[in-house]
C-alpha atoms as a PDB file:
ATOM      1  CA  MET A   1      -0.022   0.035   0.029  1.00  0.00           C
ATOM      2  CA  ALA A   2       2.875   2.282   0.823  1.00  0.00           C
ATOM      3  CA  ASP A   3       4.523   1.597  -2.618  1.00  0.00           C
ATOM      4  CA  ASP A   4       1.301   2.371  -4.410  1.00  0.00           C
ATOM      5  CA  ASN A   5       1.038   5.714  -2.647  1.00  0.00           C
ATOM      6  CA  GLN A   6       4.665   6.646  -3.313  1.00  0.00           C
ATOM      7  CA  GLN A   7       4.287   5.680  -7.031  1.00  0.00           C
ATOM      8  CA  ARG A   8       0.976   7.769  -7.205  1.00  0.00           C
ATOM      9  CA  ALA A   9       2.898  10.765  -5.783  1.00  0.00           C
ATOM     10  CA  VAL A  10       5.609  10.482  -8.274  1.00  0.00           C
ATOM     11  CA  ASN A  11       3.178  10.377 -11.191  1.00  0.00           C
ATOM     12  CA  THR A  12       1.311  13.406 -10.191  1.00  0.00           C
ATOM     13  CA  ALA A  13       1.664  16.646 -12.169  1.00  0.00           C
ATOM     14  CA  PHE A  14       3.141  18.527  -9.138  1.00  0.00           C
ATOM     15  CA  ALA A  15       4.855  15.813  -7.453  1.00  0.00           C
ATOM     16  CA  PRO A  16       6.495  16.491  -3.994  1.00  0.00           C
ATOM     17  CA  PRO A  17      10.333  16.115  -3.742  1.00  0.00           C
ATOM     18  CA  PRO A  18      11.507  12.615  -3.080  1.00  0.00           C
ATOM     19  CA  PRO A  19      12.007  11.593   0.657  1.00  0.00           C
ATOM     20  CA  LEU A  20      15.794  11.144   0.057  1.00  0.00           C
ATOM     21  CA  TRP A  21      16.242  14.948   0.290  1.00  0.00           C
ATOM     22  CA  LYS A  22      16.160  14.637   4.119  1.00  0.00           C
ATOM     23  CA  HIS A  23      19.479  12.909   3.991  1.00  0.00           C
ATOM     24  CA  PHE A  24      21.319  15.862   2.368  1.00  0.00           C
ATOM     25  CA  THR A  25      22.381  17.447   5.680  1.00  0.00           C
ATOM     26  CA  PRO A  26      25.711  19.250   6.616  1.00  0.00           C
ATOM     27  CA  GLU A  27      26.480  16.428   8.955  1.00  0.00           C
ATOM     28  CA  ASN A  28      26.118  13.714   6.370  1.00  0.00           C
ATOM     29  CA  THR A  29      28.046  15.703   3.872  1.00  0.00           C
ATOM     30  CA  GLU A  30      30.933  16.120   6.407  1.00  0.00           C
ATOM     31  CA  LYS A  31      30.770  12.352   7.219  1.00  0.00           C
ATOM     32  CA  LEU A  32      31.024  11.546   3.529  1.00  0.00           C
ATOM     33  CA  ASP A  33      34.020  13.761   3.197  1.00  0.00           C
ATOM     34  CA  GLN A  34      35.776  12.144   5.994  1.00  0.00           C
ATOM     35  CA  ILE A  35      35.197   8.731   4.576  1.00  0.00           C
ATOM     36  CA  LYS A  36      36.562   9.831   1.164  1.00  0.00           C
ATOM     37  CA  THR A  37      39.546  11.311   2.890  1.00  0.00           C
ATOM     38  CA  GLU A  38      40.343   8.153   4.855  1.00  0.00           C
ATOM     39  CA  ALA A  39      39.792   6.022   1.697  1.00  0.00           C
ATOM     40  CA  SER A  40      42.109   8.113  -0.561  1.00  0.00           C
ATOM     41  CA  LYS A  41      45.153   7.907   1.793  1.00  0.00           C
ATOM     42  CA  ASP A  42      48.295   6.417   0.158  1.00  0.00           C
ATOM     43  CA  GLU A  43      50.669   3.956   1.599  1.00  0.00           C
ATOM     44  CA  ASN A  44      52.238   6.592   3.774  1.00  0.00           C
ATOM     45  CA  GLY A  45      49.025   7.585   5.243  1.00  0.00           C
ATOM     46  CA  ARG A  46      48.792  10.882   3.375  1.00  0.00           C
ATOM     47  CA  PRO A  47      45.445  11.838   1.951  1.00  0.00           C
ATOM     48  CA  ASN A  48      45.087  12.535  -1.809  1.00  0.00           C
ATOM     49  CA  LYS A  49      42.980  15.683  -1.827  1.00  0.00           C
ATOM     50  CA  LYS A  50      42.979  15.833  -5.599  1.00  0.00           C
ATOM     51  CA  LYS A  51      41.338  12.467  -6.065  1.00  0.00           C
ATOM     52  CA  GLU A  52      37.988  12.569  -7.940  1.00  0.00           C
ATOM     53  CA  TRP A  53      35.543   9.938  -6.849  1.00  0.00           C
ATOM     54  CA  SER A  54      33.231   8.292  -9.308  1.00  0.00           C
ATOM     55  CA  ALA A  55      29.839   6.874  -8.315  1.00  0.00           C
ATOM     56  CA  PRO A  56      30.875   3.108  -8.750  1.00  0.00           C
ATOM     57  CA  GLU A  57      33.917   3.926  -6.489  1.00  0.00           C
ATOM     58  CA  LEU A  58      31.764   5.591  -3.877  1.00  0.00           C
ATOM     59  CA  ARG A  59      29.345   2.718  -3.809  1.00  0.00           C
ATOM     60  CA  ALA A  60      32.164   0.274  -3.309  1.00  0.00           C
ATOM     61  CA  LEU A  61      33.082   1.992   0.066  1.00  0.00           C
ATOM     62  CA  GLU A  62      30.149   0.275   1.714  1.00  0.00           C
ATOM     63  CA  LEU A  63      28.641   3.523   2.981  1.00  0.00           C
ATOM     64  CA  PRO A  64      26.136   3.637   5.823  1.00  0.00           C
ATOM     65  CA  SER A  65      22.511   3.735   4.740  1.00  0.00           C
ATOM     66  CA  GLU A  66      22.071   7.451   5.445  1.00  0.00           C
ATOM     67  CA  LEU A  67      25.044   8.310   3.238  1.00  0.00           C
ATOM     68  CA  ARG A  68      24.153   6.141   0.136  1.00  0.00           C
ATOM     69  CA  TYR A  69      21.643   8.781  -1.067  1.00  0.00           C
ATOM     70  CA  LEU A  70      24.435  11.238  -1.343  1.00  0.00           C
ATOM     71  CA  VAL A  71      26.146   9.140  -3.994  1.00  0.00           C
ATOM     72  CA  PRO A  72      25.083  10.400  -7.549  1.00  0.00           C
ATOM     73  CA  PRO A  73      23.288   7.894  -9.732  1.00  0.00           C
ATOM     74  CA  ASP A  74      24.762   6.401 -12.802  1.00  0.00           C
ATOM     75  CA  ILE A  75      24.336   8.209 -16.033  1.00  0.00           C
ATOM     76  CA  PRO A  76      21.146   6.944 -17.691  1.00  0.00           C
ATOM     77  CA  GLU A  77      21.237   5.258 -21.098  1.00  0.00           C
ATOM     78  CA  GLY A  78      18.579   5.687 -23.654  1.00  0.00           C
ATOM     79  CA  GLN A  79      15.787   6.874 -21.383  1.00  0.00           C
ATOM     80  CA  TYR A  80      15.278   8.387 -17.925  1.00  0.00           C
ATOM     81  CA  SER A  81      12.133   8.869 -15.760  1.00  0.00           C
ATOM     82  CA  VAL A  82      10.806  12.311 -14.761  1.00  0.00           C
ATOM     83  CA  PHE A  83       7.636  12.314 -12.511  1.00  0.00           C
ATOM     84  CA  GLY A  84       6.865   8.806 -13.807  1.00  0.00           C
ATOM     85  CA  GLU A  85       7.222   9.690 -17.460  1.00  0.00           C
ATOM     86  CA  LEU A  86       9.962   8.257 -19.671  1.00  0.00           C
ATOM     87  CA  GLN A  87      12.079  10.797 -21.545  1.00  0.00           C
ATOM     88  CA  ALA A  88      14.596  10.054 -24.248  1.00  0.00           C
ATOM     89  CA  LEU A  89      18.176  11.139 -24.034  1.00  0.00           C
ATOM     90  CA  SER A  90      18.413  11.773 -27.804  1.00  0.00           C
ATOM     91  CA  THR A  91      18.167  15.418 -28.783  1.00  0.00           C
ATOM     92  CA  ALA A  92      16.753  14.381 -32.222  1.00  0.00           C
ATOM     93  CA  LEU A  93      13.173  15.406 -32.617  1.00  0.00           C
ATOM     94  CA  PRO A  94      11.041  12.318 -33.523  1.00  0.00           C
ATOM     95  CA  SER A  95       8.743  12.770 -36.519  1.00  0.00           C
ATOM     96  CA  LEU A  96       4.920  12.899 -36.244  1.00  0.00           C
ATOM     97  CA  GLN A  97       4.781   9.758 -38.264  1.00  0.00           C
ATOM     98  CA  GLU A  98       6.961   7.997 -35.683  1.00  0.00           C
ATOM     99  CA  GLN A  99       4.522   9.059 -32.986  1.00  0.00           C
ATOM    100  CA  GLY A 100       1.440   7.959 -34.937  1.00  0.00           C
ATOM    101  CA  ILE A 101       0.037  11.439 -35.597  1.00  0.00           C
ATOM    102  CA  ASP A 102      -1.293  12.814 -38.854  1.00  0.00           C
ATOM    103  CA  GLN A 103       1.219  15.447 -40.246  1.00  0.00           C
ATOM    104  CA  LEU A 104      -0.732  18.436 -41.572  1.00  0.00           C
ATOM    105  CA  TYR A 105       2.185  20.239 -43.243  1.00  0.00           C
ATOM    106  CA  PRO A 106       4.512  18.788 -46.080  1.00  0.00           C
ATOM    107  CA  GLU A 107       8.008  17.710 -45.722  1.00  0.00           C
ATOM    108  CA  PRO A 108      10.758  20.131 -46.918  1.00  0.00           C
ATOM    109  CA  ALA A 109      10.911  19.913 -50.661  1.00  0.00           C
ATOM    110  CA  ALA A 110      13.992  18.646 -52.288  1.00  0.00           C
ATOM    111  CA  SER A 111      16.495  21.138 -53.619  1.00  0.00           C
ATOM    112  CA  THR A 112      16.375  21.855 -57.429  1.00  0.00           C
ATOM    113  CA  ASN A 113      20.119  22.443 -57.437  1.00  0.00           C
ATOM    114  CA  GLU A 114      21.971  19.303 -58.091  1.00  0.00           C
ATOM    115  CA  GLN A 115      25.086  20.663 -56.350  1.00  0.00           C
ATOM    116  CA  ASP A 116      23.157  21.304 -53.266  1.00  0.00           C
ATOM    117  CA  ALA A 117      22.175  18.235 -51.384  1.00  0.00           C
ATOM    118  CA  GLN A 118      20.351  20.068 -48.531  1.00  0.00           C
ATOM    119  CA  PRO A 119      16.545  20.253 -48.925  1.00  0.00           C
ATOM    120  CA  ALA A 120      14.829  23.610 -49.320  1.00  0.00           C
ATOM    121  CA  PRO A 121      13.838  25.158 -45.989  1.00  0.00           C
ATOM    122  CA  LEU A 122      10.219  24.832 -44.774  1.00  0.00           C
ATOM    123  CA  ASN A 123       8.267  28.069 -44.417  1.00  0.00           C
ATOM    124  CA  HIS A 124       7.384  27.558 -40.674  1.00  0.00           C
ATOM    125  CA  ALA A 125       5.599  30.869 -40.388  1.00  0.00           C
ATOM    126  CA  TYR A 126       3.183  30.117 -43.284  1.00  0.00           C
ATOM    127  CA  TYR A 127       2.085  26.702 -41.974  1.00  0.00           C
ATOM    128  CA  LEU A 128       1.840  28.007 -38.398  1.00  0.00           C
ATOM    129  CA  LEU A 129      -0.506  30.736 -39.635  1.00  0.00           C
ATOM    130  CA  LYS A 130      -2.616  28.122 -41.482  1.00  0.00           C
ATOM    131  CA  ILE A 131      -2.754  25.771 -38.492  1.00  0.00           C
ATOM    132  CA  SER A 132      -3.887  28.873 -36.306  1.00  0.00           C
ATOM    133  CA  LYS A 133      -6.654  29.618 -38.672  1.00  0.00           C
ATOM    134  CA  SER A 134      -7.793  25.934 -38.712  1.00  0.00           C
ATOM    135  CA  LEU A 135      -7.742  25.905 -34.947  1.00  0.00           C
ATOM    136  CA  LEU A 136     -10.030  28.810 -34.852  1.00  0.00           C
ATOM    137  CA  LEU A 137     -12.437  27.269 -37.411  1.00  0.00           C
ATOM    138  CA  ASN A 138     -12.332  23.870 -35.652  1.00  0.00           C
ATOM    139  CA  PHE A 139     -13.124  25.455 -32.328  1.00  0.00           C
ATOM    140  CA  LEU A 140     -16.153  27.212 -33.754  1.00  0.00           C
ATOM    141  CA  GLU A 141     -17.318  23.913 -35.264  1.00  0.00           C
ATOM    142  CA  PHE A 142     -16.634  22.225 -31.839  1.00  0.00           C
ATOM    143  CA  VAL A 143     -18.853  24.802 -30.068  1.00  0.00           C
ATOM    144  CA  GLY A 144     -21.496  24.168 -32.741  1.00  0.00           C
ATOM    145  CA  THR A 145     -21.346  20.449 -32.345  1.00  0.00           C
ATOM    146  CA  LEU A 146     -21.758  20.762 -28.412  1.00  0.00           C
ATOM    147  CA  SER A 147     -24.905  22.952 -28.967  1.00  0.00           C
ATOM    148  CA  VAL A 148     -26.481  20.519 -31.461  1.00  0.00           C
ATOM    149  CA  SER A 149     -25.130  16.984 -30.815  1.00  0.00           C
ATOM    150  CA  PRO A 150     -22.879  16.924 -27.729  1.00  0.00           C
ATOM    151  CA  GLU A 151     -22.409  13.211 -27.922  1.00  0.00           C
ATOM    152  CA  GLN A 152     -20.457  13.825 -31.254  1.00  0.00           C
ATOM    153  CA  PHE A 153     -17.696  15.887 -29.509  1.00  0.00           C
ATOM    154  CA  GLU A 154     -14.935  13.187 -29.689  1.00  0.00           C
ATOM    155  CA  SER A 155     -14.024  13.679 -33.405  1.00  0.00           C
ATOM    156  CA  LYS A 156     -13.693  17.408 -33.070  1.00  0.00           C
ATOM    157  CA  VAL A 157     -11.537  17.056 -29.909  1.00  0.00           C
ATOM    158  CA  GLN A 158      -9.381  14.868 -31.870  1.00  0.00           C
ATOM    159  CA  ASP A 159      -9.037  17.248 -34.655  1.00  0.00           C
ATOM    160  CA  LEU A 160      -8.160  20.090 -32.339  1.00  0.00           C
ATOM    161  CA  ARG A 161      -5.639  17.896 -30.541  1.00  0.00           C
ATOM    162  CA  ASN A 162      -3.976  17.000 -33.838  1.00  0.00           C
ATOM    163  CA  LEU A 163      -3.765  20.629 -34.820  1.00  0.00           C
ATOM    164  CA  PHE A 164      -2.106  21.621 -31.497  1.00  0.00           C
ATOM    165  CA  ILE A 165       0.407  18.884 -31.771  1.00  0.00           C
ATOM    166  CA  ASN A 166       1.334  19.807 -35.319  1.00  0.00           C
ATOM    167  CA  ALA A 167       1.764  23.412 -34.302  1.00  0.00           C
ATOM    168  CA  HIS A 168       3.901  22.444 -31.291  1.00  0.00           C
ATOM    169  CA  HIS A 169       6.027  20.231 -33.540  1.00  0.00           C
ATOM    170  CA  LEU A 170       6.569  23.077 -36.003  1.00  0.00           C
ATOM    171  CA  LEU A 171       7.753  25.285 -33.229  1.00  0.00           C
ATOM    172  CA  ASN A 172      10.091  22.576 -32.047  1.00  0.00           C
ATOM    173  CA  LEU A 173      11.546  22.280 -35.675  1.00  0.00           C
ATOM    174  CA  TYR A 174      12.351  26.022 -35.428  1.00  0.00           C
ATOM    175  CA  ARG A 175      14.250  25.791 -32.250  1.00  0.00           C
ATOM    176  CA  PRO A 176      17.690  25.210 -33.794  1.00  0.00           C
ATOM    177  CA  HIS A 177      17.284  28.287 -35.939  1.00  0.00           C
ATOM    178  CA  GLN A 178      16.173  30.145 -32.892  1.00  0.00           C
ATOM    179  CA  ALA A 179      19.268  29.062 -31.026  1.00  0.00           C
ATOM    180  CA  ARG A 180      21.526  30.165 -33.777  1.00  0.00           C
ATOM    181  CA  GLU A 181      19.869  33.514 -34.043  1.00  0.00           C
ATOM    182  CA  SER A 182      20.187  33.960 -30.265  1.00  0.00           C
ATOM    183  CA  LEU A 183      23.800  33.042 -30.420  1.00  0.00           C
ATOM    184  CA  ILE A 184      24.366  35.603 -33.303  1.00  0.00           C
ATOM    185  CA  MET A 185      22.761  38.361 -31.322  1.00  0.00           C
ATOM    186  CA  MET A 186      24.769  37.578 -28.325  1.00  0.00           C
ATOM    187  CA  MET A 187      28.057  37.599 -30.200  1.00  0.00           C
ATOM    188  CA  GLU A 188      26.982  40.849 -32.000  1.00  0.00           C
ATOM    189  CA  GLU A 189      26.353  42.481 -28.580  1.00  0.00           C
ATOM    190  CA  GLN A 190      29.702  41.238 -27.180  1.00  0.00           C
ATOM    191  CA  LEU A 191      31.474  42.607 -30.360  1.00  0.00           C
ATOM    192  CA  LYS A 192      29.652  45.923 -29.961  1.00  0.00           C
ATOM    193  CA  HIS A 193      30.681  46.243 -26.321  1.00  0.00           C
ATOM    194  CA  SER A 194      34.300  45.374 -27.270  1.00  0.00           C
ATOM    195  CA  ARG A 195      34.340  48.038 -29.949  1.00  0.00           C
ATOM    196  CA  GLU A 196      33.033  50.585 -27.474  1.00  0.00           C
ATOM    197  CA  GLU A 197      35.856  49.629 -25.005  1.00  0.00           C
ATOM    198  CA  ILE A 198      38.456  49.983 -27.555  1.00  0.00           C
ATOM    199  CA  LYS A 199      36.951  53.523 -28.560  1.00  0.00           C
ATOM    200  CA  ARG A 200      37.209  54.615 -24.896  1.00  0.00           C
ATOM    201  CA  MET A 201      40.769  53.314 -24.589  1.00  0.00           C
ATOM    202  CA  ASP A 202      41.777  55.170 -27.829  1.00  0.00           C
ATOM    203  CA  LYS A 203      40.272  58.328 -26.328  1.00  0.00           C
ATOM    204  CA  VAL A 204      42.154  57.924 -23.057  1.00  0.00           C
ATOM    205  CA  LYS A 205      45.354  57.273 -25.012  1.00  0.00           C
ATOM    206  CA  ALA A 206      44.949  60.444 -27.138  1.00  0.00           C
ATOM    207  CA  ASP A 207      44.371  62.465 -23.906  1.00  0.00           C
ATOM    208  CA  ILE A 208      47.348  61.070 -22.271  1.00  0.00           C
ATOM    209  CA  GLU A 209      49.513  61.661 -25.389  1.00  0.00           C
ATOM    210  CA  GLY A 210      48.307  65.287 -25.482  1.00  0.00           C
ATOM    211  CA  VAL A 211      49.310  65.836 -21.809  1.00  0.00           C
ATOM    212  CA  LEU A 212      52.668  64.230 -22.354  1.00  0.00           C
ATOM    213  CA  GLU A 213      53.356  66.392 -25.446  1.00  0.00           C
ATOM    214  CA  GLN A 214      52.439  69.446 -23.339  1.00  0.00           C
ATOM    215  CA  LEU A 215      54.821  68.436 -20.748  1.00  0.00           C
ATOM    216  CA  GLN A 216      57.651  67.762 -23.231  1.00  0.00           C
ATOM    217  CA  ALA A 217      56.977  71.274 -24.771  1.00  0.00           C
ATOM    218  CA  GLU A 218      57.116  72.955 -21.420  1.00  0.00           C
ATOM    219  CA  SER A 219      60.289  71.202 -20.292  1.00  0.00           C
ATOM    220  CA  ARG A 220      61.982  72.253 -23.533  1.00  0.00           C
ATOM    221  CA  SER A 221      60.909  75.842 -23.038  1.00  0.00           C
ATOM    222  CA  MET A 222      62.254  75.856 -19.469  1.00  0.00           C
ATOM    223  CA  ALA A 223      65.448  74.298 -20.602  1.00  0.00           C
ATOM    224  CA  THR A 224      66.008  77.246 -23.088  1.00  0.00           C
ATOM    225  CA  ASN A 225      64.950  79.860 -20.699  1.00  0.00           C
ATOM    226  CA  GLU A 226      68.145  80.847 -18.935  1.00  0.00           C
ATOM    227  CA  SER A 227      66.764  83.878 -16.977  1.00  0.00           C
ATOM    228  CA  GLY A 228      65.245  83.821 -13.564  1.00  0.00           C
ATOM    229  CA  ASP A 229      66.083  82.225 -10.388  1.00  0.00           C
ATOM    230  CA  THR A 230      66.919  78.430 -10.593  1.00  0.00           C
ATOM    231  CA  ASN A 231      65.030  77.555  -7.404  1.00  0.00           C
ATOM    232  CA  ASP A 232      61.956  79.302  -8.640  1.00  0.00           C
ATOM    233  CA  GLN A 233      62.084  77.392 -11.951  1.00  0.00           C
ATOM    234  CA  THR A 234      62.525  74.154 -10.061  1.00  0.00           C
ATOM    235  CA  ASN A 235      59.464  74.845  -7.815  1.00  0.00           C
ATOM    236  CA  THR A 236      57.469  75.934 -10.786  1.00  0.00           C
ATOM    237  CA  SER A 237      58.318  72.767 -12.770  1.00  0.00           C
ATOM    238  CA  LYS A 238      57.510  70.615  -9.782  1.00  0.00           C
ATOM    239  CA  VAL A 239      54.023  72.274  -9.409  1.00  0.00           C
ATOM    240  CA  LYS A 240      53.264  71.827 -13.031  1.00  0.00           C
ATOM    241  CA  ALA A 241      54.411  68.209 -12.984  1.00  0.00           C
ATOM    242  CA  ASP A 242      52.158  67.422 -10.021  1.00  0.00           C
ATOM    243  CA  ALA A 243      49.237  69.116 -11.864  1.00  0.00           C
ATOM    244  CA  HIS A 244      49.828  67.096 -15.049  1.00  0.00           C
ATOM    245  CA  SER A 245      50.106  63.875 -13.045  1.00  0.00           C
ATOM    246  CA  GLN A 246      46.806  64.778 -11.337  1.00  0.00           C
ATOM    247  CA  LEU A 247      45.203  65.345 -14.724  1.00  0.00           C
ATOM    248  CA  ILE A 248      46.322  62.053 -16.155  1.00  0.00           C
ATOM    249  CA  TRP A 249      44.912  60.132 -13.091  1.00  0.00           C
ATOM    250  CA  GLU A 250      41.694  62.057 -13.449  1.00  0.00           C
ATOM    251  CA  LEU A 251      41.542  61.003 -17.113  1.00  0.00           C
ATOM    252  CA  LEU A 252      41.941  57.359 -16.243  1.00  0.00           C
ATOM    253  CA  ASP A 253      39.485  57.536 -13.340  1.00  0.00           C
ATOM    254  CA  LYS A 254      36.856  59.133 -15.652  1.00  0.00           C
ATOM    255  CA  GLU A 255      37.056  56.356 -18.195  1.00  0.00           C
ATOM    256  CA  ASN A 256      37.048  53.620 -15.672  1.00  0.00           C
END
């Protein structure tokens, strides 16, 4: 009876978390780390902290029952279960024919160019629009059937279901194109950001070069000017140098 209740909970649409989450505590994690440290010691009794444990190696340690849930499961092969429903590991989208569903849009036409072996692309937007219009029409017919002969609803429900599945399948066929376009937009945004950074760096470089050229010109004019007190010239040059240094730092802080 308990197994039936647990299986029913797993199959629900909003299933609660499995009871094993209660074993993921800091105390159990620390115990598992201590066991792995002891098991990884070499002949001299020194622990190998760089050792990476696999799931079969952890299970071979004969862990206590409360620590066995902390060992990750093996990588599934072929299929895996989510809330009681089997999901395939393959990323290939199965065709509607393989699922026993009538396909309402044509297959991509073969390319007329002999050098191009790729089929011509399918106009997803065109057939999605046609399916959307068919959905509206079939829904009106479904409402009319319910008002006249409610017992004949099953055929129209099946038509609506088939239309929705075809529309959803068309959208899934468009996912690779959507992923490529999203990646292109992301890369274009990164390129734009990099170019703006380069422009700001070029501006800072030009400003600093201008300050350095001004310093060089002033130092030359002071070297050629032999009149005046030497101490006054030294103090004046020091003040100007400090002012220019402050200006350079302000330029750098402004751009950062």
